[in-house]
PDB file of N, CA and C in Angstrom:
ATOM      1  N   MET A   1      -9.508  -3.641  -1.804  1.00  0.00           N
ATOM      2  CA  MET A   1      -8.263  -2.919  -1.629  1.00  0.00           C
ATOM      3  C   MET A   1      -8.593  -1.447  -1.358  1.00  0.00           C
ATOM      4  N   SER A   2      -7.944  -0.850  -0.379  1.00  0.00           N
ATOM      5  CA  SER A   2      -8.221   0.542  -0.032  1.00  0.00           C
ATOM      6  C   SER A   2      -7.400   1.492  -0.913  1.00  0.00           C
ATOM      7  N   LYS A   3      -7.941   2.702  -1.056  1.00  0.00           N
ATOM      8  CA  LYS A   3      -7.233   3.721  -1.830  1.00  0.00           C
ATOM      9  C   LYS A   3      -6.028   4.207  -1.040  1.00  0.00           C
ATOM     10  N   PRO A   4      -4.944   4.583  -1.720  1.00  0.00           N
ATOM     11  CA  PRO A   4      -3.785   5.120  -0.992  1.00  0.00           C
ATOM     12  C   PRO A   4      -4.156   6.444  -0.320  1.00  0.00           C
ATOM     13  N   HIS A   5      -3.552   6.716   0.812  1.00  0.00           N
ATOM     14  CA  HIS A   5      -3.800   7.946   1.552  1.00  0.00           C
ATOM     15  C   HIS A   5      -3.298   9.120   0.709  1.00  0.00           C
ATOM     16  N   PRO A   6      -4.126  10.175   0.536  1.00  0.00           N
ATOM     17  CA  PRO A   6      -3.715  11.276  -0.348  1.00  0.00           C
ATOM     18  C   PRO A   6      -2.570  12.129   0.211  1.00  0.00           C
ATOM     19  N   PHE A   7      -2.418  12.152   1.531  1.00  0.00           N
ATOM     20  CA  PHE A   7      -1.361  12.953   2.144  1.00  0.00           C
ATOM     21  C   PHE A   7      -0.215  12.055   2.560  1.00  0.00           C
ATOM     22  N   PHE A   8       0.967  12.619   2.618  1.00  0.00           N
ATOM     23  CA  PHE A   8       2.147  11.843   2.985  1.00  0.00           C
ATOM     24  C   PHE A   8       2.229  11.738   4.499  1.00  0.00           C
ATOM     25  N   ARG A   9       2.470  10.545   4.986  1.00  0.00           N
ATOM     26  CA  ARG A   9       2.586  10.321   6.434  1.00  0.00           C
ATOM     27  C   ARG A   9       4.015  10.487   6.914  1.00  0.00           C
ATOM     28  N   THR A  10       4.977  10.214   6.027  1.00  0.00           N
ATOM     29  CA  THR A  10       6.399  10.413   6.342  1.00  0.00           C
ATOM     30  C   THR A  10       7.087  10.961   5.095  1.00  0.00           C
ATOM     31  N   PRO A  11       8.212  11.648   5.272  1.00  0.00           N
ATOM     32  CA  PRO A  11       8.931  12.143   4.091  1.00  0.00           C
ATOM     33  C   PRO A  11       9.487  11.021   3.221  1.00  0.00           C
ATOM     34  N   ASN A  12       9.620   9.820   3.786  1.00  0.00           N
ATOM     35  CA  ASN A  12      10.154   8.690   3.022  1.00  0.00           C
ATOM     36  C   ASN A  12       9.218   8.243   1.902  1.00  0.00           C
ATOM     37  N   GLU A  13       7.967   8.656   1.938  1.00  0.00           N
ATOM     38  CA  GLU A  13       7.003   8.290   0.896  1.00  0.00           C
ATOM     39  C   GLU A  13       7.159   9.146  -0.360  1.00  0.00           C
ATOM     40  N   ILE A  14       7.929  10.213  -0.263  1.00  0.00           N
ATOM     41  CA  ILE A  14       8.072  11.161  -1.370  1.00  0.00           C
ATOM     42  C   ILE A  14       9.319  10.824  -2.179  1.00  0.00           C
ATOM     43  N   VAL A  15       9.177  10.851  -3.502  1.00  0.00           N
ATOM     44  CA  VAL A  15      10.325  10.551  -4.365  1.00  0.00           C
ATOM     45  C   VAL A  15      10.610  11.755  -5.267  1.00  0.00           C
ATOM     46  N   ILE A  16      11.863  11.948  -5.576  1.00  0.00           N
ATOM     47  CA  ILE A  16      12.271  13.029  -6.478  1.00  0.00           C
ATOM     48  C   ILE A  16      11.654  12.778  -7.852  1.00  0.00           C
ATOM     49  N   GLY A  17      11.103  13.828  -8.428  1.00  0.00           N
ATOM     50  CA  GLY A  17      10.454  13.725  -9.732  1.00  0.00           C
ATOM     51  C   GLY A  17       8.949  13.535  -9.654  1.00  0.00           C
ATOM     52  N   ALA A  18       8.416  13.282  -8.463  1.00  0.00           N
ATOM     53  CA  ALA A  18       6.974  13.067  -8.305  1.00  0.00           C
ATOM     54  C   ALA A  18       6.220  14.391  -8.388  1.00  0.00           C
ATOM     55  N   VAL A  19       4.999  14.323  -8.890  1.00  0.00           N
ATOM     56  CA  VAL A  19       4.116  15.490  -8.910  1.00  0.00           C
ATOM     57  C   VAL A  19       3.338  15.497  -7.599  1.00  0.00           C
ATOM     58  N   VAL A  20       3.398  16.631  -6.908  1.00  0.00           N
ATOM     59  CA  VAL A  20       2.683  16.791  -5.642  1.00  0.00           C
ATOM     60  C   VAL A  20       1.916  18.114  -5.675  1.00  0.00           C
ATOM     61  N   PHE A  21       0.973  18.258  -4.757  1.00  0.00           N
ATOM     62  CA  PHE A  21       0.199  19.485  -4.657  1.00  0.00           C
ATOM     63  C   PHE A  21       0.488  20.137  -3.322  1.00  0.00           C
ATOM     64  N   ASP A  22       0.898  21.411  -3.366  1.00  0.00           N
ATOM     65  CA  ASP A  22       1.196  22.192  -2.165  1.00  0.00           C
ATOM     66  C   ASP A  22      -0.081  22.906  -1.739  1.00  0.00           C
ATOM     67  N   ARG A  23      -0.581  22.564  -0.550  1.00  0.00           N
ATOM     68  CA  ARG A  23      -1.833  23.152  -0.068  1.00  0.00           C
ATOM     69  C   ARG A  23      -1.662  24.609   0.344  1.00  0.00           C
ATOM     70  N   ASP A  24      -0.451  25.050   0.653  1.00  0.00           N
ATOM     71  CA  ASP A  24      -0.232  26.451   1.027  1.00  0.00           C
ATOM     72  C   ASP A  24      -0.232  27.361  -0.203  1.00  0.00           C
ATOM     73  N   TYR A  25       0.502  26.979  -1.238  1.00  0.00           N
ATOM     74  CA  TYR A  25       0.553  27.771  -2.465  1.00  0.00           C
ATOM     75  C   TYR A  25      -0.621  27.462  -3.394  1.00  0.00           C
ATOM     76  N   GLU A  26      -1.327  26.384  -3.090  1.00  0.00           N
ATOM     77  CA  GLU A  26      -2.472  25.928  -3.875  1.00  0.00           C
ATOM     78  C   GLU A  26      -2.111  25.703  -5.334  1.00  0.00           C
ATOM     79  N   MET A  27      -0.984  24.980  -5.537  1.00  0.00           N
ATOM     80  CA  MET A  27      -0.570  24.650  -6.902  1.00  0.00           C
ATOM     81  C   MET A  27       0.320  23.410  -6.889  1.00  0.00           C
ATOM     82  N   PRO A  28       0.321  22.695  -8.025  1.00  0.00           N
ATOM     83  CA  PRO A  28       1.178  21.513  -8.120  1.00  0.00           C
ATOM     84  C   PRO A  28       2.606  21.896  -8.461  1.00  0.00           C
ATOM     85  N   GLY A  29       3.510  20.995  -8.136  1.00  0.00           N
ATOM     86  CA  GLY A  29       4.912  21.156  -8.471  1.00  0.00           C
ATOM     87  C   GLY A  29       5.563  19.790  -8.557  1.00  0.00           C
ATOM     88  N   THR A  30       6.785  19.777  -9.027  1.00  0.00           N
ATOM     89  CA  THR A  30       7.557  18.544  -9.136  1.00  0.00           C
ATOM     90  C   THR A  30       8.619  18.547  -8.044  1.00  0.00           C
ATOM     91  N   VAL A  31       8.767  17.405  -7.366  1.00  0.00           N
ATOM     92  CA  VAL A  31       9.757  17.300  -6.297  1.00  0.00           C
ATOM     93  C   VAL A  31      11.145  17.378  -6.910  1.00  0.00           C
ATOM     94  N   ARG A  32      11.928  18.315  -6.408  1.00  0.00           N
ATOM     95  CA  ARG A  32      13.284  18.550  -6.911  1.00  0.00           C
ATOM     96  C   ARG A  32      14.344  18.021  -5.952  1.00  0.00           C
ATOM     97  N   ASN A  33      14.069  18.135  -4.647  1.00  0.00           N
ATOM     98  CA  ASN A  33      15.048  17.715  -3.643  1.00  0.00           C
ATOM     99  C   ASN A  33      14.331  17.437  -2.333  1.00  0.00           C
ATOM    100  N   LEU A  34      14.933  16.587  -1.515  1.00  0.00           N
ATOM    101  CA  LEU A  34      14.410  16.270  -0.185  1.00  0.00           C
ATOM    102  C   LEU A  34      15.478  16.586   0.850  1.00  0.00           C
ATOM    103  N   ASP A  35      15.058  17.215   1.946  1.00  0.00           N
ATOM    104  CA  ASP A  35      15.984  17.593   3.004  1.00  0.00           C
ATOM    105  C   ASP A  35      15.279  17.393   4.345  1.00  0.00           C
ATOM    106  N   GLY A  36      15.273  16.154   4.826  1.00  0.00           N
ATOM    107  CA  GLY A  36      14.571  15.840   6.071  1.00  0.00           C
ATOM    108  C   GLY A  36      13.078  16.010   5.889  1.00  0.00           C
ATOM    109  N   ARG A  37      12.498  16.902   6.692  1.00  0.00           N
ATOM    110  CA  ARG A  37      11.059  17.168   6.606  1.00  0.00           C
ATOM    111  C   ARG A  37      10.717  18.170   5.500  1.00  0.00           C
ATOM    112  N   TRP A  38      11.727  18.763   4.897  1.00  0.00           N
ATOM    113  CA  TRP A  38      11.521  19.796   3.884  1.00  0.00           C
ATOM    114  C   TRP A  38      11.652  19.219   2.485  1.00  0.00           C
ATOM    115  N   VAL A  39      10.776  19.684   1.613  1.00  0.00           N
ATOM    116  CA  VAL A  39      10.753  19.232   0.227  1.00  0.00           C
ATOM    117  C   VAL A  39      10.911  20.470  -0.658  1.00  0.00           C
ATOM    118  N   GLU A  40      11.805  20.388  -1.615  1.00  0.00           N
ATOM    119  CA  GLU A  40      11.999  21.481  -2.562  1.00  0.00           C
ATOM    120  C   GLU A  40      11.212  21.145  -3.828  1.00  0.00           C
ATOM    121  N   LEU A  41      10.349  22.075  -4.227  1.00  0.00           N
ATOM    122  CA  LEU A  41       9.498  21.874  -5.396  1.00  0.00           C
ATOM    123  C   LEU A  41       9.879  22.852  -6.493  1.00  0.00           C
ATOM    124  N   GLN A  42       9.514  22.494  -7.721  1.00  0.00           N
ATOM    125  CA  GLN A  42       9.799  23.358  -8.863  1.00  0.00           C
ATOM    126  C   GLN A  42       8.621  23.321  -9.824  1.00  0.00           C
ATOM    127  N   ARG A  43       8.369  24.490 -10.424  1.00  0.00           N
ATOM    128  CA  ARG A  43       7.367  24.611 -11.481  1.00  0.00           C
ATOM    129  C   ARG A  43       8.108  24.724 -12.812  1.00  0.00           C
ATOM    130  N   PRO A  44       7.448  24.416 -13.925  1.00  0.00           N
ATOM    131  CA  PRO A  44       8.104  24.543 -15.228  1.00  0.00           C
ATOM    132  C   PRO A  44       8.566  25.964 -15.544  1.00  0.00           C
ATOM    133  N   THR A  45       8.004  26.949 -14.877  1.00  0.00           N
ATOM    134  CA  THR A  45       8.411  28.342 -15.093  1.00  0.00           C
ATOM    135  C   THR A  45       9.748  28.665 -14.440  1.00  0.00           C
ATOM    136  N   GLY A  46      10.255  27.725 -13.622  1.00  0.00           N
ATOM    137  CA  GLY A  46      11.516  27.953 -12.924  1.00  0.00           C
ATOM    138  C   GLY A  46      11.328  28.350 -11.471  1.00  0.00           C
ATOM    139  N   PHE A  47      10.086  28.584 -11.058  1.00  0.00           N
ATOM    140  CA  PHE A  47       9.793  28.938  -9.670  1.00  0.00           C
ATOM    141  C   PHE A  47      10.131  27.753  -8.766  1.00  0.00           C
ATOM    142  N   ILE A  48      10.960  27.998  -7.743  1.00  0.00           N
ATOM    143  CA  ILE A  48      11.390  26.956  -6.804  1.00  0.00           C
ATOM    144  C   ILE A  48      11.037  27.408  -5.400  1.00  0.00           C
ATOM    145  N   TRP A  49      10.505  26.488  -4.592  1.00  0.00           N
ATOM    146  CA  TRP A  49      10.187  26.806  -3.202  1.00  0.00           C
ATOM    147  C   TRP A  49      10.312  25.568  -2.330  1.00  0.00           C
ATOM    148  N   ARG A  50      10.423  25.817  -1.023  1.00  0.00           N
ATOM    149  CA  ARG A  50      10.544  24.732  -0.036  1.00  0.00           C
ATOM    150  C   ARG A  50       9.293  24.700   0.813  1.00  0.00           C
ATOM    151  N   VAL A  51       8.876  23.492   1.160  1.00  0.00           N
ATOM    152  CA  VAL A  51       7.666  23.313   1.964  1.00  0.00           C
ATOM    153  C   VAL A  51       7.836  22.079   2.851  1.00  0.00           C
ATOM    154  N   ASN A  52       7.211  22.118   4.017  1.00  0.00           N
ATOM    155  CA  ASN A  52       7.211  20.961   4.898  1.00  0.00           C
ATOM    156  C   ASN A  52       6.367  19.860   4.257  1.00  0.00           C
ATOM    157  N   PHE A  53       6.813  18.628   4.344  1.00  0.00           N
ATOM    158  CA  PHE A  53       6.131  17.529   3.658  1.00  0.00           C
ATOM    159  C   PHE A  53       4.679  17.370   4.107  1.00  0.00           C
ATOM    160  N   THR A  54       4.349  17.825   5.319  1.00  0.00           N
ATOM    161  CA  THR A  54       2.974  17.669   5.824  1.00  0.00           C
ATOM    162  C   THR A  54       1.979  18.547   5.070  1.00  0.00           C
ATOM    163  N   ARG A  55       2.454  19.520   4.315  1.00  0.00           N
ATOM    164  CA  ARG A  55       1.579  20.421   3.555  1.00  0.00           C
ATOM    165  C   ARG A  55       1.334  19.907   2.138  1.00  0.00           C
ATOM    166  N   LEU A  56       1.879  18.730   1.815  1.00  0.00           N
ATOM    167  CA  LEU A  56       1.765  18.182   0.466  1.00  0.00           C
ATOM    168  C   LEU A  56       0.800  17.016   0.404  1.00  0.00           C
ATOM    169  N   ARG A  57       0.216  16.857  -0.759  1.00  0.00           N
ATOM    170  CA  ARG A  57      -0.539  15.639  -1.063  1.00  0.00           C
ATOM    171  C   ARG A  57      -0.077  15.157  -2.429  1.00  0.00           C
ATOM    172  N   ARG A  58      -0.405  13.919  -2.729  1.00  0.00           N
ATOM    173  CA  ARG A  58      -0.044  13.369  -4.032  1.00  0.00           C
ATOM    174  C   ARG A  58      -0.774  14.142  -5.131  1.00  0.00           C
ATOM    175  N   GLY A  59      -0.078  14.398  -6.225  1.00  0.00           N
ATOM    176  CA  GLY A  59      -0.698  15.083  -7.352  1.00  0.00           C
ATOM    177  C   GLY A  59      -1.626  14.155  -8.109  1.00  0.00           C
ATOM    178  N   THR A  60      -2.684  14.714  -8.662  1.00  0.00           N
ATOM    179  CA  THR A  60      -3.622  13.939  -9.473  1.00  0.00           C
ATOM    180  C   THR A  60      -3.108  13.866 -10.906  1.00  0.00           C
ATOM    181  N   GLU A  61      -3.737  13.016 -11.705  1.00  0.00           N
ATOM    182  CA  GLU A  61      -3.363  12.933 -13.123  1.00  0.00           C
ATOM    183  C   GLU A  61      -3.609  14.277 -13.806  1.00  0.00           C
ATOM    184  N   ARG A  62      -4.672  14.936 -13.432  1.00  0.00           N
ATOM    185  CA  ARG A  62      -4.997  16.245 -14.013  1.00  0.00           C
ATOM    186  C   ARG A  62      -3.906  17.263 -13.685  1.00  0.00           C
ATOM    187  N   GLU A  63      -3.414  17.251 -12.461  1.00  0.00           N
ATOM    188  CA  GLU A  63      -2.350  18.184 -12.067  1.00  0.00           C
ATOM    189  C   GLU A  63      -1.046  17.871 -12.792  1.00  0.00           C
ATOM    190  N   ALA A  64      -0.782  16.601 -13.032  1.00  0.00           N
ATOM    191  CA  ALA A  64       0.413  16.223 -13.800  1.00  0.00           C
ATOM    192  C   ALA A  64       0.292  16.736 -15.232  1.00  0.00           C
ATOM    193  N   ARG A  65      -0.900  16.606 -15.829  1.00  0.00           N
ATOM    194  CA  ARG A  65      -1.127  17.125 -17.186  1.00  0.00           C
ATOM    195  C   ARG A  65      -0.995  18.647 -17.207  1.00  0.00           C
ATOM    196  N   GLN A  66      -1.435  19.289 -16.129  1.00  0.00           N
ATOM    197  CA  GLN A  66      -1.317  20.743 -16.029  1.00  0.00           C
ATOM    198  C   GLN A  66       0.150  21.170 -16.082  1.00  0.00           C
ATOM    199  N   LEU A  67       1.022  20.447 -15.377  1.00  0.00           N
ATOM    200  CA  LEU A  67       2.443  20.780 -15.389  1.00  0.00           C
ATOM    201  C   LEU A  67       3.060  20.548 -16.773  1.00  0.00           C
ATOM    202  N   VAL A  68       2.625  19.497 -17.456  1.00  0.00           N
ATOM    203  CA  VAL A  68       3.126  19.226 -18.808  1.00  0.00           C
ATOM    204  C   VAL A  68       2.710  20.359 -19.745  1.00  0.00           C
ATOM    205  N   ALA A  69       1.451  20.791 -19.657  1.00  0.00           N
ATOM    206  CA  ALA A  69       0.967  21.883 -20.504  1.00  0.00           C
ATOM    207  C   ALA A  69       1.695  23.193 -20.187  1.00  0.00           C
ATOM    208  N   LEU A  70       1.947  23.438 -18.913  1.00  0.00           N
ATOM    209  CA  LEU A  70       2.667  24.643 -18.520  1.00  0.00           C
ATOM    210  C   LEU A  70       4.106  24.620 -19.041  1.00  0.00           C
ATOM    211  N   ALA A  71       4.729  23.440 -19.033  1.00  0.00           N
ATOM    212  CA  ALA A  71       6.092  23.314 -19.559  1.00  0.00           C
ATOM    213  C   ALA A  71       6.115  23.610 -21.066  1.00  0.00           C
ATOM    214  N   LYS A  72       5.107  23.117 -21.805  1.00  0.00           N
ATOM    215  CA  LYS A  72       5.035  23.399 -23.244  1.00  0.00           C
ATOM    216  C   LYS A  72       4.864  24.891 -23.485  1.00  0.00           C
ATOM    217  N   LEU A  73       4.007  25.514 -22.713  1.00  0.00           N
ATOM    218  CA  LEU A  73       3.784  26.955 -22.848  1.00  0.00           C
ATOM    219  C   LEU A  73       5.059  27.735 -22.541  1.00  0.00           C
ATOM    220  N   GLN A  74       5.761  27.316 -21.507  1.00  0.00           N
ATOM    221  CA  GLN A  74       7.009  28.010 -21.113  1.00  0.00           C
ATOM    222  C   GLN A  74       8.067  27.892 -22.209  1.00  0.00           C
ATOM    223  N   ARG A  75       8.186  26.694 -22.811  1.00  0.00           N
ATOM    224  CA  ARG A  75       9.142  26.513 -23.914  1.00  0.00           C
ATOM    225  C   ARG A  75       8.795  27.419 -25.092  1.00  0.00           C
ATOM    226  N   ALA A  76       7.493  27.511 -25.400  1.00  0.00           N
ATOM    227  CA  ALA A  76       7.068  28.366 -26.510  1.00  0.00           C
ATOM    228  C   ALA A  76       7.356  29.826 -26.207  1.00  0.00           C
ATOM    229  N   ARG A  77       7.149  30.245 -24.967  1.00  0.00           N
ATOM    230  CA  ARG A  77       7.419  31.624 -24.583  1.00  0.00           C
ATOM    231  C   ARG A  77       8.915  31.925 -24.685  1.00  0.00           C
ATOM    232  N   GLU A  78       9.754  30.974 -24.292  1.00  0.00           N
ATOM    233  CA  GLU A  78      11.203  31.197 -24.347  1.00  0.00           C
ATOM    234  C   GLU A  78      11.692  31.244 -25.789  1.00  0.00           C
ATOM    235  N   ARG A  79      11.094  30.486 -26.680  1.00  0.00           N
ATOM    236  CA  ARG A  79      11.472  30.519 -28.103  1.00  0.00           C
ATOM    237  C   ARG A  79      11.115  31.870 -28.709  1.00  0.00           C
ATOM    238  N   GLY A  80      10.053  32.486 -28.206  1.00  0.00           N
ATOM    239  CA  GLY A  80       9.588  33.753 -28.763  1.00  0.00           C
ATOM    240  C   GLY A  80      10.335  34.967 -28.287  1.00  0.00           C
ATOM    241  N   ARG A  81      11.290  34.798 -27.399  1.00  0.00           N
ATOM    242  CA  ARG A  81      12.061  35.941 -26.868  1.00  0.00           C
ATOM    243  C   ARG A  81      12.926  36.565 -27.905  1.00  0.00           C
TER     244      ARG A  81
END
Protein backbone atom coordinates (compact mmCIF):
# COMPACT_ATOMS: atom_id res chain seq x y z
CA MET A 1 0.00 0.00 0.00
CA SER A 2 1.40 3.42 -0.92
CA LYS A 3 1.66 6.34 1.47
CA PRO A 4 -0.91 9.12 1.01
CA HIS A 5 0.35 12.13 -0.96
CA PRO A 6 1.49 14.81 1.54
CA PHE A 7 0.11 17.71 -0.53
CA PHE A 8 -3.50 18.25 -1.46
CA ARG A 9 -4.34 17.69 -5.12
CA THR A 10 -7.81 19.27 -4.90
CA PRO A 11 -9.56 21.42 -2.29
CA ASN A 12 -12.09 18.60 -1.86
CA GLU A 13 -9.46 16.60 0.06
CA ILE A 14 -9.42 19.19 2.86
CA VAL A 15 -11.87 18.98 5.75
CA ILE A 16 -12.78 21.60 8.35
CA GLY A 17 -11.00 20.91 11.62
CA ALA A 18 -8.00 19.20 9.99
CA VAL A 19 -4.45 20.13 10.96
CA VAL A 20 -2.46 21.33 7.95
CA PHE A 21 0.93 22.95 7.42
CA ASP A 22 1.20 26.24 5.51
CA ARG A 23 4.46 26.29 3.54
CA ASP A 24 4.35 30.09 3.13
CA TYR A 25 3.98 30.95 6.83
CA GLU A 26 5.96 27.83 7.79
CA MET A 27 3.56 26.88 10.57
CA PRO A 28 0.66 24.53 11.23
CA GLY A 29 -2.92 25.62 11.61
CA THR A 30 -6.41 24.20 11.85
CA VAL A 31 -8.78 24.48 8.90
CA ARG A 32 -11.56 26.89 9.84
CA ASN A 33 -13.35 27.43 6.52
CA LEU A 34 -13.16 26.52 2.84
CA ASP A 35 -13.93 28.92 0.00
CA GLY A 36 -13.18 27.34 -3.38
CA ARG A 37 -9.40 27.24 -3.76
CA TRP A 38 -8.92 29.29 -0.58
CA VAL A 39 -8.62 27.81 2.88
CA GLU A 40 -9.01 29.81 6.08
CA LEU A 41 -6.70 28.65 8.86
CA GLN A 42 -6.55 29.47 12.55
CA ARG A 43 -3.96 29.15 15.29
CA PRO A 44 -4.84 28.70 18.98
CA THR A 45 -3.62 32.26 19.57
CA GLY A 46 -6.51 33.54 17.45
CA PHE A 47 -4.39 34.34 14.39
CA ILE A 48 -6.50 33.72 11.25
CA TRP A 49 -5.28 33.76 7.65
CA ARG A 50 -6.27 32.62 4.17
CA VAL A 51 -4.09 30.57 1.85
CA ASN A 52 -4.46 28.81 -1.48
CA PHE A 53 -4.88 25.07 -0.94
CA THR A 54 -1.83 24.34 -3.13
CA ARG A 55 0.43 25.85 -0.43
CA LEU A 56 -0.77 23.34 2.19
CA ARG A 57 0.26 19.86 3.15
CA ARG A 58 -1.23 17.47 5.65
CA GLY A 59 -0.12 18.14 9.22
CA THR A 60 2.01 15.56 11.00
CA GLU A 61 1.20 14.09 14.40
CA ARG A 62 3.96 16.26 15.85
CA GLU A 63 2.40 19.41 14.38
CA ALA A 64 -1.00 18.42 15.79
CA ARG A 65 0.61 18.00 19.24
CA GLN A 66 2.27 21.39 18.78
CA LEU A 67 -1.14 23.04 18.27
CA VAL A 68 -2.55 21.28 21.35
CA ALA A 69 0.40 22.50 23.45
CA LEU A 70 0.03 26.03 22.07
CA ALA A 71 -3.69 26.00 22.94
CA LYS A 72 -2.86 24.98 26.54
CA LEU A 73 -0.29 27.75 26.79
CA GLN A 74 -2.75 30.30 25.37
CA ARG A 75 -5.44 29.28 27.90
CA ALA A 76 -2.93 29.65 30.74
CA ARG A 77 -1.87 33.08 29.47
CA GLU A 78 -5.50 34.23 29.27
CA ARG A 79 -6.20 33.04 32.84
CA GLY A 80 -3.22 35.08 34.04
CA ARG A 81 -4.54 38.38 32.66
